[in-house]
Structures are given as C-alpha cells and as structure tokens.
Amino acid sequence: MSNHLNINWSDAINKTAKGINDYDLGKVLEISEDYVVTERGSTDKDTFVLPKIISSEFDGSTLRFNLSKEDSNKYKQ
C-alpha cells in the first residue's frame, strides 16, 4: 500500500492536509508505511493518524483525503 496513487510521500511532509470540502486536517508531520500523521492548531493541537488508503491526491502543496469533518474524529488522537 505504500505507493497509493504513486505519491512521493516524503514530498508531502510539512505540507497542508485537507479533507472533503477543504476540511483542515493540519500539516503533515510524519509518514509511515500505511499512515500519515497530521497536526492542526497552535495551542489546542489536534493530531490525526490517517490511513494512506483514504488519500485522494497530492498536488505538491496539499495532500487531500476522502474524509469528512464528521468522520475525522475516529482518526483523532
């Protein structure tokens, strides 16, 4: 699964992560074989651990996920 969508995952580190309807998932902090870790906020931080399988595209500045605001809570740490 590490080559989902042929994304060069290392290029996505420190880039913006967005869900459906531009829902803010923060900035990409870390990438493992199957997951992308993002962090949102400056004081009250939210961390998300998102499966790569739900990613939809990476345009060089934004990594997009097929994830709604309503469904994002199940990936929040």
C-alpha atoms as a PDB file:
ATOM      1  CA  MET A   1       0.000   0.000   0.000  1.00  0.00           C
ATOM      2  CA  SER A   2       2.993   2.311   0.349  1.00  0.00           C
ATOM      3  CA  ASN A   3       2.679   3.519  -3.261  1.00  0.00           C
ATOM      4  CA  HIS A   4      -1.009   4.520  -3.115  1.00  0.00           C
ATOM      5  CA  LEU A   5      -1.706   6.948  -6.006  1.00  0.00           C
ATOM      6  CA  ASN A   6       2.010   6.979  -6.855  1.00  0.00           C
ATOM      7  CA  ILE A   7       2.548   9.806  -4.367  1.00  0.00           C
ATOM      8  CA  ASN A   8       6.127  10.583  -3.364  1.00  0.00           C
ATOM      9  CA  TRP A   9       5.233  10.621   0.319  1.00  0.00           C
ATOM     10  CA  SER A  10       8.424  12.310   1.508  1.00  0.00           C
ATOM     11  CA  ASP A  11       7.411  15.367  -0.559  1.00  0.00           C
ATOM     12  CA  ALA A  12       4.204  15.666   1.495  1.00  0.00           C
ATOM     13  CA  ILE A  13       5.974  16.248   4.836  1.00  0.00           C
ATOM     14  CA  ASN A  14       5.296  19.765   6.203  1.00  0.00           C
ATOM     15  CA  LYS A  15       2.573  20.294   3.587  1.00  0.00           C
ATOM     16  CA  THR A  16      -1.107  21.056   4.176  1.00  0.00           C
ATOM     17  CA  ALA A  17      -3.601  18.211   4.624  1.00  0.00           C
ATOM     18  CA  LYS A  18      -7.257  18.694   3.692  1.00  0.00           C
ATOM     19  CA  GLY A  19     -10.366  16.565   3.754  1.00  0.00           C
ATOM     20  CA  ILE A  20     -13.633  16.842   1.841  1.00  0.00           C
ATOM     21  CA  ASN A  21     -14.852  20.445   1.332  1.00  0.00           C
ATOM     22  CA  ASP A  22     -11.369  21.720   2.278  1.00  0.00           C
ATOM     23  CA  TYR A  23     -11.751  20.495   5.879  1.00  0.00           C
ATOM     24  CA  ASP A  24      -8.487  21.410   7.639  1.00  0.00           C
ATOM     25  CA  LEU A  25      -6.510  18.389   8.804  1.00  0.00           C
ATOM     26  CA  GLY A  26      -3.424  20.453   9.620  1.00  0.00           C
ATOM     27  CA  LYS A  27       0.133  19.934   8.494  1.00  0.00           C
ATOM     28  CA  VAL A  28       1.728  16.597   7.616  1.00  0.00           C
ATOM     29  CA  LEU A  29       4.228  15.727  10.352  1.00  0.00           C
ATOM     30  CA  GLU A  30       5.163  12.131   9.721  1.00  0.00           C
ATOM     31  CA  ILE A  31       4.592   9.330   7.254  1.00  0.00           C
ATOM     32  CA  SER A  32       4.816   5.623   7.951  1.00  0.00           C
ATOM     33  CA  GLU A  33       4.264   2.674   5.643  1.00  0.00           C
ATOM     34  CA  ASP A  34       0.475   2.808   5.942  1.00  0.00           C
ATOM     35  CA  TYR A  35      -0.360   6.065   7.763  1.00  0.00           C
ATOM     36  CA  VAL A  36       0.038   9.839   7.572  1.00  0.00           C
ATOM     37  CA  VAL A  37       0.239  11.802  10.852  1.00  0.00           C
ATOM     38  CA  THR A  38      -1.020  15.382  10.770  1.00  0.00           C
ATOM     39  CA  GLU A  39      -1.281  18.102  13.398  1.00  0.00           C
ATOM     40  CA  ARG A  40      -3.693  21.037  13.445  1.00  0.00           C
ATOM     41  CA  GLY A  41      -3.691  24.113  15.693  1.00  0.00           C
ATOM     42  CA  SER A  42      -1.117  26.109  17.587  1.00  0.00           C
ATOM     43  CA  THR A  43      -2.257  25.997  21.213  1.00  0.00           C
ATOM     44  CA  ASP A  44      -5.053  23.433  21.274  1.00  0.00           C
ATOM     45  CA  LYS A  45      -3.480  20.906  18.933  1.00  0.00           C
ATOM     46  CA  ASP A  46      -5.319  18.042  17.265  1.00  0.00           C
ATOM     47  CA  THR A  47      -3.363  15.106  15.896  1.00  0.00           C
ATOM     48  CA  PHE A  48      -4.782  12.821  13.220  1.00  0.00           C
ATOM     49  CA  VAL A  49      -3.450   9.410  12.173  1.00  0.00           C
ATOM     50  CA  LEU A  50      -4.853   8.904   8.690  1.00  0.00           C
ATOM     51  CA  PRO A  51      -4.598   5.737   6.600  1.00  0.00           C
ATOM     52  CA  LYS A  52      -2.902   6.338   3.263  1.00  0.00           C
ATOM     53  CA  ILE A  53      -5.684   4.356   1.586  1.00  0.00           C
ATOM     54  CA  ILE A  54      -8.090   7.303   2.107  1.00  0.00           C
ATOM     55  CA  SER A  55      -5.769   9.813   0.407  1.00  0.00           C
ATOM     56  CA  SER A  56      -7.085  11.106  -2.907  1.00  0.00           C
ATOM     57  CA  GLU A  57      -4.375  13.370  -4.359  1.00  0.00           C
ATOM     58  CA  PHE A  58      -1.245  15.403  -3.725  1.00  0.00           C
ATOM     59  CA  ASP A  59      -0.672  18.486  -5.869  1.00  0.00           C
ATOM     60  CA  GLY A  60       2.731  19.402  -4.442  1.00  0.00           C
ATOM     61  CA  SER A  61       1.351  21.656  -1.708  1.00  0.00           C
ATOM     62  CA  THR A  62      -1.817  19.971  -0.406  1.00  0.00           C
ATOM     63  CA  LEU A  63      -2.376  16.315   0.444  1.00  0.00           C
ATOM     64  CA  ARG A  64      -6.093  15.567   0.111  1.00  0.00           C
ATOM     65  CA  PHE A  65      -8.084  12.837   1.828  1.00  0.00           C
ATOM     66  CA  ASN A  66     -11.540  11.373   1.193  1.00  0.00           C
ATOM     67  CA  LEU A  67     -12.531  12.265   4.738  1.00  0.00           C
ATOM     68  CA  SER A  68     -15.374  14.442   6.005  1.00  0.00           C
ATOM     69  CA  LYS A  69     -15.316  16.589   9.120  1.00  0.00           C
ATOM     70  CA  GLU A  70     -17.886  14.239  10.666  1.00  0.00           C
ATOM     71  CA  ASP A  71     -15.732  11.152  10.099  1.00  0.00           C
ATOM     72  CA  SER A  72     -12.444  12.767  11.129  1.00  0.00           C
ATOM     73  CA  ASN A  73     -12.978  12.156  14.870  1.00  0.00           C
ATOM     74  CA  LYS A  74     -12.288   8.443  14.500  1.00  0.00           C
ATOM     75  CA  TYR A  75      -8.736   9.310  13.365  1.00  0.00           C
ATOM     76  CA  LYS A  76      -8.091  11.945  16.018  1.00  0.00           C
ATOM     77  CA  GLN A  77      -5.567  11.021  18.724  1.00  0.00           C
END
